[in-house]
C-alpha atoms as a PDB file:
ATOM      1  CA  MET A   1     110.306 115.328 127.276  1.00  0.00           C
ATOM      2  CA  GLN A   2     110.803 111.971 125.571  1.00  0.00           C
ATOM      3  CA  LYS A   3     112.850 111.966 122.357  1.00  0.00           C
ATOM      4  CA  LYS A   4     111.121 110.456 119.342  1.00  0.00           C
ATOM      5  CA  GLN A   5     113.111 107.513 117.964  1.00  0.00           C
ATOM      6  CA  ASP A   6     114.039 107.692 114.298  1.00  0.00           C
ATOM      7  CA  GLN A   7     112.673 104.850 112.247  1.00  0.00           C
ATOM      8  CA  SER A   8     114.031 103.539 108.971  1.00  0.00           C
ATOM      9  CA  ALA A   9     111.898 102.058 106.219  1.00  0.00           C
ATOM     10  CA  LEU A  10     112.249 100.632 102.731  1.00  0.00           C
ATOM     11  CA  LEU A  11     110.512 102.628 100.031  1.00  0.00           C
ATOM     12  CA  GLY A  12     109.689 100.807  96.810  1.00  0.00           C
ATOM     13  CA  VAL A  13     108.363 102.678  93.793  1.00  0.00           C
ATOM     14  CA  GLY A  14     107.331 100.922  90.594  1.00  0.00           C
ATOM     15  CA  PHE A  15     107.007 102.898  87.359  1.00  0.00           C
ATOM     16  CA  ASP A  16     105.825 100.224  84.933  1.00  0.00           C
ATOM     17  CA  ASN A  17     102.086 100.409  85.616  1.00  0.00           C
ATOM     18  CA  ASN A  18      99.981 100.508  82.439  1.00  0.00           C
ATOM     19  CA  ASP A  19      96.694  99.089  83.765  1.00  0.00           C
ATOM     20  CA  GLY A  20      95.503 102.101  85.775  1.00  0.00           C
ATOM     21  CA  HIS A  21      95.473 100.298  89.139  1.00  0.00           C
ATOM     22  CA  LYS A  22      96.857 102.147  92.136  1.00  0.00           C
ATOM     23  CA  ARG A  23      98.872  99.696  94.176  1.00  0.00           C
ATOM     24  CA  VAL A  24      99.970 100.604  97.699  1.00  0.00           C
ATOM     25  CA  THR A  25     101.300  98.164 100.279  1.00  0.00           C
ATOM     26  CA  LYS A  26     102.505  99.072 103.759  1.00  0.00           C
ATOM     27  CA  GLY A  27     104.143  96.699 106.198  1.00  0.00           C
ATOM     28  CA  ASP A  28     106.661  96.620 109.001  1.00  0.00           C
ATOM     29  CA  ASN A  29     109.638  98.608 107.748  1.00  0.00           C
ATOM     30  CA  PHE A  30     108.325  99.193 104.220  1.00  0.00           C
ATOM     31  CA  TYR A  31     106.082 101.274 101.961  1.00  0.00           C
ATOM     32  CA  LEU A  32     105.506 100.160  98.356  1.00  0.00           C
ATOM     33  CA  VAL A  33     103.696 102.148  95.679  1.00  0.00           C
ATOM     34  CA  GLY A  34     102.985 101.730  92.007  1.00  0.00           C
ATOM     35  CA  GLY A  35     104.230  99.227  89.512  1.00  0.00           C
ATOM     36  CA  SER A  36     102.525  96.586  87.457  1.00  0.00           C
ATOM     37  CA  GLU A  37     100.942  93.661  89.264  1.00  0.00           C
ATOM     38  CA  GLU A  38     104.120  91.627  88.696  1.00  0.00           C
ATOM     39  CA  THR A  39     106.490  94.392  89.829  1.00  0.00           C
ATOM     40  CA  HIS A  40     104.447  95.219  92.924  1.00  0.00           C
ATOM     41  CA  GLU A  41     104.293  91.535  93.872  1.00  0.00           C
ATOM     42  CA  ARG A  42     108.066  91.228  93.486  1.00  0.00           C
ATOM     43  CA  MET A  43     108.652  94.322  95.629  1.00  0.00           C
ATOM     44  CA  THR A  44     106.333  92.888  98.290  1.00  0.00           C
ATOM     45  CA  GLU A  45     108.086  89.510  98.300  1.00  0.00           C
ATOM     46  CA  THR A  46     111.476  91.216  98.592  1.00  0.00           C
ATOM     47  CA  ALA A  47     110.340  93.427 101.486  1.00  0.00           C
ATOM     48  CA  VAL A  48     108.835  90.471 103.366  1.00  0.00           C
ATOM     49  CA  LYS A  49     111.982  88.359 102.884  1.00  0.00           C
ATOM     50  CA  PHE A  50     114.119  91.306 103.996  1.00  0.00           C
ATOM     51  CA  ASN A  51     112.035  91.629 107.188  1.00  0.00           C
ATOM     52  CA  GLU A  52     112.406  87.897 107.852  1.00  0.00           C
ATOM     53  CA  LYS A  53     116.196  88.178 107.545  1.00  0.00           C
ATOM     54  CA  LEU A  54     116.193  91.241 109.772  1.00  0.00           C
ATOM     55  CA  SER A  55     114.161  89.412 112.403  1.00  0.00           C
ATOM     56  CA  ARG A  56     116.464  86.374 112.308  1.00  0.00           C
ATOM     57  CA  ARG A  57     119.417  88.682 112.983  1.00  0.00           C
ATOM     58  CA  GLY A  58     117.539  90.272 115.882  1.00  0.00           C
ATOM     59  CA  LYS A  59     118.162  93.768 114.560  1.00  0.00           C
ATOM     60  CA  ARG A  60     116.246  96.861 113.555  1.00  0.00           C
ATOM     61  CA  MET A  61     116.866  98.363 110.143  1.00  0.00           C
ATOM     62  CA  ASP A  62     118.561 101.432 111.618  1.00  0.00           C
ATOM     63  CA  GLU A  63     121.098  99.140 113.310  1.00  0.00           C
ATOM     64  CA  LEU A  64     122.402  97.756 110.008  1.00  0.00           C
ATOM     65  CA  SER A  65     125.616  98.949 108.463  1.00  0.00           C
ATOM     66  CA  PRO A  66     125.352  99.972 104.809  1.00  0.00           C
ATOM     67  CA  GLU A  67     127.137  96.747 103.865  1.00  0.00           C
ATOM     68  CA  GLU A  68     124.742  94.580 105.906  1.00  0.00           C
ATOM     69  CA  PHE A  69     121.759  96.364 104.359  1.00  0.00           C
ATOM     70  CA  ARG A  70     123.120  95.926 100.823  1.00  0.00           C
ATOM     71  CA  ASP A  71     123.851  92.215 101.366  1.00  0.00           C
ATOM     72  CA  MET A  72     120.468  91.522 102.940  1.00  0.00           C
ATOM     73  CA  ILE A  73     118.479  93.341 100.244  1.00  0.00           C
ATOM     74  CA  ARG A  74     120.414  91.484  97.532  1.00  0.00           C
ATOM     75  CA  GLU A  75     119.699  88.159  99.207  1.00  0.00           C
ATOM     76  CA  ALA A  76     116.038  89.034  99.657  1.00  0.00           C
ATOM     77  CA  SER A  77     115.647  90.070  96.018  1.00  0.00           C
ATOM     78  CA  GLY A  78     117.417  86.983  94.718  1.00  0.00           C
ATOM     79  CA  LYS A  79     120.151  88.975  92.964  1.00  0.00           C
END
């Protein structure tokens, strides 16, 4: 029997939605839900930039150390 490989993913949840829209975005390595239009867009941009950095390093998310993950997500979010 083949063992199922664990897969890591970013989960972004926005709580500042006041317009009634349900925003959900799924991509490679991420799931984003909720938020205002601005917040959801920012989460999406951050997740895409994070994936680009991950790809450039030639790694999967589950191969990152906690420090690498923290540094990459900070870079991707511009903070």
